[in-house]
Amino acid sequence: MVMLRRKALLKTNLELWLNDKLLRDGLYTNVSTAETNIYGADISLLVPVNDEDFSDGRVWQSAFKNWVYEPGIPSPSSGVAPPMVSSGVTVNGTFYSDTAVSGVFTHYIDYVNGRIVFDSPVSSLSIVQGQFAYKEVMIDHADKLDNENEPLQIETTYKDNPEQTGVETYPSKKSRTLPAVWIDITGRNNDGYELGSKSLVSDFLGVFHIWGRDSYLRDIIEDILSDTHRDVLLGIDFNTAEFPLLSRGRKNSNWPGYAAQANVYSKDFWRRIYLDNIDARKDTSLFEIERTRVGFLARIYPNF
């Protein structure tokens, strides 16, 4: 395996840190089994969808992507219940754990796409429901492969009454939901650390791009990011540390959680990441999507 260096480690740490930060600020929603919204719709309901990677009847999609997989998130200051980490699925009124390795309705949870993938096809007449929390803000990287060809999903019928017809009611695995924060590293400068040493201090220039239609939530995200001025992140060395997710959006049961890994006394501690020069500016809109860019500088020293 190729060794991860500063830029790759910075981008991974920023993604995990920001997900953790927004969750601790309460930007998630819990969904209980059979819970209904103000329109009387069961928002825990999953539906079968076609996926070229699986046979029909195996993939059941919820109305919400980006299920919370992070353990140990406490209740925010607002006092709402902490996010529920899904641990199984209910089929026709009976709960089945995702830890089962054999038997009927064995499955795994794709937390990224908010769906259940069964080992064997399930009848389309079945009632499949989930209990989970979903993140209200999607975090991703601006330079992700094939970004331009992935559709943006502004709303679903389960979040609000759609303002237009023809929109997806359930997201596909290729669609991305808003609001979102895209992490973009735009430049890099190197400074000498001390006389007589070739060690470098790396200054990475970056932007958090905030996209969304809802100005209320977009302003909250901007405030949270702007308040990170002069924050210090405790970086994790993913050359030795466990990653939180496995292939196909599955949760890594060996991952101890961000707070446990981002610890100066952890065996996987890497470097401190100093955030500075936070600068928020309104960007040009993209059709009905309003955009804000929050510039930042991330400084990494060679030995602490």
Protein backbone atom coordinates (compact mmCIF):
# COMPACT_ATOMS: atom_id res chain seq x y z
CA MET A 1 0.00 0.00 0.00
CA VAL A 2 1.28 3.47 -0.91
CA MET A 3 2.03 5.61 2.11
CA LEU A 4 -0.41 8.50 2.65
CA ARG A 5 1.33 11.86 2.93
CA ARG A 6 0.33 15.30 4.13
CA LYS A 7 -2.27 16.35 1.59
CA ALA A 8 -4.13 13.03 1.58
CA LEU A 9 -4.07 12.86 5.37
CA LEU A 10 -5.25 16.46 5.64
CA LYS A 11 -8.25 15.87 3.36
CA THR A 12 -9.30 12.71 5.21
CA ASN A 13 -8.96 14.38 8.60
CA LEU A 14 -10.94 17.43 7.50
CA GLU A 15 -13.80 15.23 6.30
CA LEU A 16 -14.04 13.22 9.53
CA TRP A 17 -13.58 16.31 11.73
CA LEU A 18 -16.32 18.23 9.93
CA ASN A 19 -18.78 15.34 10.07
CA ASP A 20 -18.10 14.98 13.79
CA LYS A 21 -18.41 18.73 14.40
CA LEU A 22 -21.74 19.12 12.62
CA LEU A 23 -23.19 16.08 14.38
CA ARG A 24 -22.15 17.47 17.77
CA ASP A 25 -23.93 20.70 16.80
CA GLY A 26 -27.13 18.72 16.30
CA LEU A 27 -27.33 18.72 12.49
CA TYR A 28 -28.98 15.30 12.21
CA THR A 29 -32.49 13.86 12.40
CA ASN A 30 -33.55 10.65 14.12
CA VAL A 31 -36.08 8.42 12.38
CA SER A 32 -37.83 5.69 14.37
CA THR A 33 -39.52 2.63 12.89
CA ALA A 34 -42.98 3.50 11.54
CA GLU A 35 -42.49 7.21 12.26
CA THR A 36 -44.73 9.47 10.16
CA ASN A 37 -44.28 13.06 9.04
CA ILE A 38 -46.85 15.85 8.96
CA TYR A 39 -48.26 14.45 5.71
CA GLY A 40 -48.87 11.07 7.32
CA ALA A 41 -46.18 9.31 5.30
CA ASP A 42 -44.03 6.62 6.93
CA ILE A 43 -40.56 8.16 6.71
CA SER A 44 -38.91 4.95 7.94
CA LEU A 45 -40.17 3.05 4.89
CA LEU A 46 -37.64 1.59 2.45
CA VAL A 47 -38.46 0.70 -1.15
CA PRO A 48 -36.82 -1.77 -3.55
CA VAL A 49 -34.65 -0.12 -6.20
CA ASN A 50 -32.77 -1.37 -9.23
CA ASP A 51 -29.01 -1.49 -8.97
CA GLU A 52 -26.81 -2.92 -11.68
CA ASP A 53 -24.45 -4.38 -9.07
CA PHE A 54 -27.14 -6.52 -7.40
CA SER A 55 -30.02 -8.75 -8.40
CA ASP A 56 -33.55 -7.31 -8.16
CA GLY A 57 -35.06 -7.29 -4.68
CA ARG A 58 -31.78 -7.10 -2.79
CA VAL A 59 -31.40 -3.31 -2.47
CA TRP A 60 -33.95 -1.35 -0.42
CA GLN A 61 -33.52 2.43 -0.34
CA SER A 62 -34.64 4.92 2.32
CA ALA A 63 -35.72 8.48 1.56
CA PHE A 64 -32.54 9.78 3.19
CA LYS A 65 -28.89 9.23 2.37
CA ASN A 66 -25.92 9.74 4.72
CA TRP A 67 -27.01 7.68 7.70
CA VAL A 68 -25.05 8.35 10.86
CA TYR A 69 -22.46 5.63 11.53
CA GLU A 70 -20.33 7.58 14.02
CA PRO A 71 -20.47 6.11 17.55
CA GLY A 72 -20.41 8.10 20.77
CA ILE A 73 -21.99 11.37 19.59
CA PRO A 74 -23.57 12.98 22.69
CA SER A 75 -26.75 15.01 22.85
CA PRO A 76 -26.12 18.57 21.62
CA SER A 77 -26.74 21.60 23.80
CA SER A 78 -30.28 21.83 22.39
CA GLY A 79 -31.10 18.70 24.39
CA VAL A 80 -32.40 16.48 21.56
CA ALA A 81 -31.64 12.76 21.73
CA PRO A 82 -28.24 11.68 20.38
CA PRO A 83 -28.21 10.24 16.85
CA MET A 84 -29.30 6.63 16.45
CA VAL A 85 -26.81 4.39 14.69
CA SER A 86 -28.77 1.84 12.69
CA SER A 87 -28.14 -1.77 13.68
CA GLY A 88 -30.60 -3.68 11.54
CA VAL A 89 -33.89 -3.61 9.66
CA THR A 90 -37.54 -4.40 10.34
CA VAL A 91 -39.29 -6.64 7.80
CA ASN A 92 -43.05 -7.20 8.11
CA GLY A 93 -42.94 -6.11 11.76
CA THR A 94 -39.96 -8.23 12.86
CA PHE A 95 -36.52 -6.74 13.58
CA TYR A 96 -33.42 -8.41 12.11
CA SER A 97 -29.94 -7.41 13.28
CA ASP A 98 -27.19 -6.65 10.78
CA THR A 99 -24.82 -8.82 12.82
CA ALA A 100 -26.60 -12.04 11.82
CA VAL A 101 -24.44 -14.14 9.49
CA SER A 102 -27.10 -16.66 8.51
CA GLY A 103 -30.85 -17.08 8.47
CA VAL A 104 -33.69 -15.16 6.85
CA PHE A 105 -33.24 -11.51 5.83
CA THR A 106 -29.48 -11.39 6.46
CA HIS A 107 -28.12 -8.11 5.17
CA TYR A 108 -25.65 -5.28 5.56
CA ILE A 109 -26.25 -1.54 5.90
CA ASP A 110 -24.94 0.92 3.32
CA TYR A 111 -24.72 3.99 5.58
CA VAL A 112 -23.45 6.32 2.85
CA ASN A 113 -26.41 5.73 0.56
CA GLY A 114 -28.96 5.12 3.33
CA ARG A 115 -30.07 1.68 2.25
CA ILE A 116 -30.21 -2.00 3.15
CA VAL A 117 -28.61 -4.65 0.94
CA PHE A 118 -30.02 -8.12 1.59
CA ASP A 119 -28.06 -11.30 0.91
CA SER A 120 -31.04 -12.68 -1.03
CA PRO A 121 -33.93 -10.97 -2.85
CA VAL A 122 -36.87 -9.86 -0.72
CA SER A 123 -40.43 -9.84 -2.06
CA SER A 124 -41.60 -6.42 -3.26
CA LEU A 125 -44.78 -7.00 -1.24
CA SER A 126 -42.78 -6.90 2.02
CA ILE A 127 -42.88 -3.92 4.36
CA VAL A 128 -39.28 -2.93 5.05
CA GLN A 129 -38.53 -0.21 7.62
CA GLY A 130 -35.41 1.26 9.16
CA GLN A 131 -34.50 3.00 12.39
CA PHE A 132 -31.64 5.42 11.91
CA ALA A 133 -30.37 8.99 12.05
CA TYR A 134 -29.43 10.84 8.90
CA LYS A 135 -27.05 13.75 8.56
CA GLU A 136 -28.70 16.99 7.54
CA VAL A 137 -25.50 18.11 5.79
CA MET A 138 -23.55 16.04 3.29
CA ILE A 139 -19.75 16.31 3.45
CA ASP A 140 -17.67 15.39 0.40
CA HIS A 141 -14.63 16.45 -1.60
CA ALA A 142 -14.87 18.91 -4.47
CA ASP A 143 -12.44 16.91 -6.63
CA LYS A 144 -14.28 13.61 -6.30
CA LEU A 145 -14.20 11.51 -9.47
CA ASP A 146 -17.16 12.04 -11.83
CA ASN A 147 -18.59 14.87 -9.70
CA GLU A 148 -20.00 16.68 -12.72
CA ASN A 149 -22.16 13.71 -13.73
CA GLU A 150 -23.78 13.11 -10.34
CA PRO A 151 -27.18 14.82 -9.99
CA LEU A 152 -27.98 17.12 -7.07
CA GLN A 153 -31.10 16.36 -5.09
CA ILE A 154 -32.57 19.45 -3.49
CA GLU A 155 -35.60 17.93 -1.81
CA THR A 156 -37.71 14.77 -1.42
CA THR A 157 -41.38 14.28 -0.74
CA TYR A 158 -40.46 12.91 2.66
CA LYS A 159 -38.61 16.06 3.73
CA ASP A 160 -41.15 18.56 2.44
CA ASN A 161 -43.87 18.96 -0.12
CA PRO A 162 -41.94 19.32 -3.41
CA GLU A 163 -42.04 22.72 -5.03
CA GLN A 164 -41.78 21.13 -8.46
CA THR A 165 -42.87 17.93 -10.18
CA GLY A 166 -40.54 15.33 -11.63
CA VAL A 167 -38.05 15.28 -8.74
CA GLU A 168 -36.77 12.08 -7.17
CA THR A 169 -38.72 11.01 -4.11
CA TYR A 170 -36.06 8.49 -3.14
CA PRO A 171 -32.37 9.24 -3.85
CA SER A 172 -30.28 7.05 -6.10
CA LYS A 173 -26.77 5.95 -5.23
CA LYS A 174 -25.40 8.46 -7.75
CA SER A 175 -27.36 11.46 -6.50
CA ARG A 176 -26.09 13.83 -3.83
CA THR A 177 -28.31 15.62 -1.35
CA LEU A 178 -28.21 19.26 -0.31
CA PRO A 179 -27.24 21.13 1.75
CA ALA A 180 -23.66 20.06 1.29
CA VAL A 181 -20.15 21.16 2.14
CA TRP A 182 -17.48 20.40 -0.45
CA ILE A 183 -13.88 20.36 0.80
CA ASP A 184 -11.46 21.81 -1.73
CA ILE A 185 -7.68 22.14 -1.33
CA THR A 186 -6.68 24.85 -3.81
CA GLY A 187 -2.99 25.49 -3.16
CA ARG A 188 0.05 24.85 -1.03
CA ASN A 189 3.04 26.81 0.23
CA ASN A 190 6.09 25.49 2.05
CA ASP A 191 8.14 27.39 4.62
CA GLY A 192 11.35 26.37 6.33
CA TYR A 193 10.92 25.12 9.86
CA GLU A 194 14.28 26.22 11.28
CA LEU A 195 17.76 27.14 10.14
CA GLY A 196 19.94 24.17 9.30
CA SER A 197 16.99 21.82 8.76
CA LYS A 198 15.29 20.77 5.56
CA SER A 199 12.02 20.05 7.40
CA LEU A 200 9.12 22.06 6.03
CA VAL A 201 6.04 23.75 7.42
CA SER A 202 3.20 23.11 4.96
CA ASP A 203 0.49 25.73 4.47
CA PHE A 204 -2.50 24.36 2.57
CA LEU A 205 -4.98 26.84 1.12
CA GLY A 206 -8.52 25.52 1.01
CA VAL A 207 -12.19 26.32 0.64
CA PHE A 208 -15.31 24.89 2.23
CA HIS A 209 -18.02 25.32 -0.44
CA ILE A 210 -21.49 25.48 1.15
CA TRP A 211 -24.36 24.69 -1.24
CA GLY A 212 -28.05 24.70 -0.44
CA ARG A 213 -31.45 26.23 -1.06
CA ASP A 214 -32.39 26.72 2.60
CA SER A 215 -30.74 29.99 3.67
CA TYR A 216 -31.46 29.31 7.36
CA LEU A 217 -29.46 26.07 7.46
CA ARG A 218 -26.81 27.45 5.11
CA ASP A 219 -26.23 30.37 7.49
CA ILE A 220 -25.90 27.98 10.43
CA ILE A 221 -23.24 25.99 8.58
CA GLU A 222 -21.40 29.20 7.68
CA ASP A 223 -21.43 30.30 11.34
CA ILE A 224 -20.07 26.94 12.51
CA LEU A 225 -17.26 27.00 9.96
CA SER A 226 -16.41 30.67 10.58
CA ASP A 227 -16.10 29.96 14.30
CA THR A 228 -13.33 27.42 13.61
CA HIS A 229 -10.86 30.29 13.15
CA ARG A 230 -7.66 29.25 14.97
CA ASP A 231 -9.03 25.83 15.87
CA VAL A 232 -6.48 23.02 16.23
CA LEU A 233 -7.35 19.60 14.83
CA LEU A 234 -5.61 16.54 16.23
CA GLY A 235 -4.72 14.66 13.06
CA ILE A 236 -5.06 10.90 12.65
CA ASP A 237 -2.43 8.87 10.81
CA PHE A 238 -4.40 6.62 8.46
CA ASN A 239 -1.27 4.76 7.52
CA THR A 240 -1.83 2.89 10.80
CA ALA A 241 -5.36 3.81 11.90
CA GLU A 242 -8.60 2.04 11.01
CA PHE A 243 -10.85 3.77 8.49
CA PRO A 244 -14.46 4.26 9.62
CA LEU A 245 -16.06 2.72 6.53
CA LEU A 246 -15.44 -0.40 4.51
CA SER A 247 -16.44 -1.04 0.89
CA ARG A 248 -20.02 -0.37 -0.23
CA GLY A 249 -20.68 2.06 2.63
CA ARG A 250 -20.46 -0.54 5.40
CA LYS A 251 -19.45 0.48 8.93
CA ASN A 252 -16.09 -0.76 10.22
CA SER A 253 -16.85 -2.39 13.57
CA ASN A 254 -13.20 -1.90 14.61
CA TRP A 255 -13.35 1.88 14.24
CA PRO A 256 -13.36 3.41 17.74
CA GLY A 257 -14.86 6.75 16.68
CA TYR A 258 -13.36 10.09 15.74
CA ALA A 259 -12.94 11.39 19.30
CA ALA A 260 -11.01 8.27 20.33
CA GLN A 261 -8.67 8.46 17.34
CA ALA A 262 -8.21 12.24 17.26
CA ASN A 263 -6.35 12.17 20.53
CA VAL A 264 -2.78 13.23 21.21
CA TYR A 265 -2.30 10.08 23.32
CA SER A 266 -3.66 7.75 20.64
CA LYS A 267 -1.23 5.36 18.97
CA ASP A 268 -2.52 6.73 15.66
CA PHE A 269 -1.89 10.41 16.43
CA TRP A 270 -0.23 12.17 13.51
CA ARG A 271 0.14 15.98 13.60
CA ARG A 272 -1.75 18.98 14.85
CA ILE A 273 -3.57 20.82 12.05
CA TYR A 274 -3.87 24.57 12.68
CA LEU A 275 -6.79 26.34 10.98
CA ASP A 276 -6.39 30.04 10.32
CA ASN A 277 -7.47 32.87 8.02
CA ILE A 278 -11.13 31.79 7.94
CA ASP A 279 -12.86 34.04 5.42
CA ALA A 280 -16.54 33.62 4.39
CA ARG A 281 -17.84 35.13 1.16
CA LYS A 282 -21.10 34.74 -0.76
CA ASP A 283 -20.54 33.04 -4.11
CA THR A 284 -22.55 33.25 -7.32
CA SER A 285 -25.68 31.09 -7.29
CA LEU A 286 -26.09 27.96 -9.42
CA PHE A 287 -29.67 28.24 -10.67
CA GLU A 288 -31.78 27.97 -7.47
CA ILE A 289 -28.83 26.76 -5.36
CA GLU A 290 -27.26 29.45 -3.20
CA ARG A 291 -23.55 29.11 -2.53
CA THR A 292 -21.08 30.39 0.06
CA ARG A 293 -17.33 29.84 0.11
CA VAL A 294 -15.40 29.74 3.36
CA GLY A 295 -11.68 30.05 2.71
CA PHE A 296 -9.14 28.72 5.19
CA LEU A 297 -5.48 28.03 5.73
CA ALA A 298 -4.39 24.73 7.27
CA ARG A 299 -0.85 24.74 8.67
CA ILE A 300 1.01 21.52 9.42
CA TYR A 301 4.36 21.46 11.18
CA PRO A 302 6.85 18.63 10.55
CA ASN A 303 7.08 17.25 14.06
CA PHE A 304 4.13 18.23 16.29
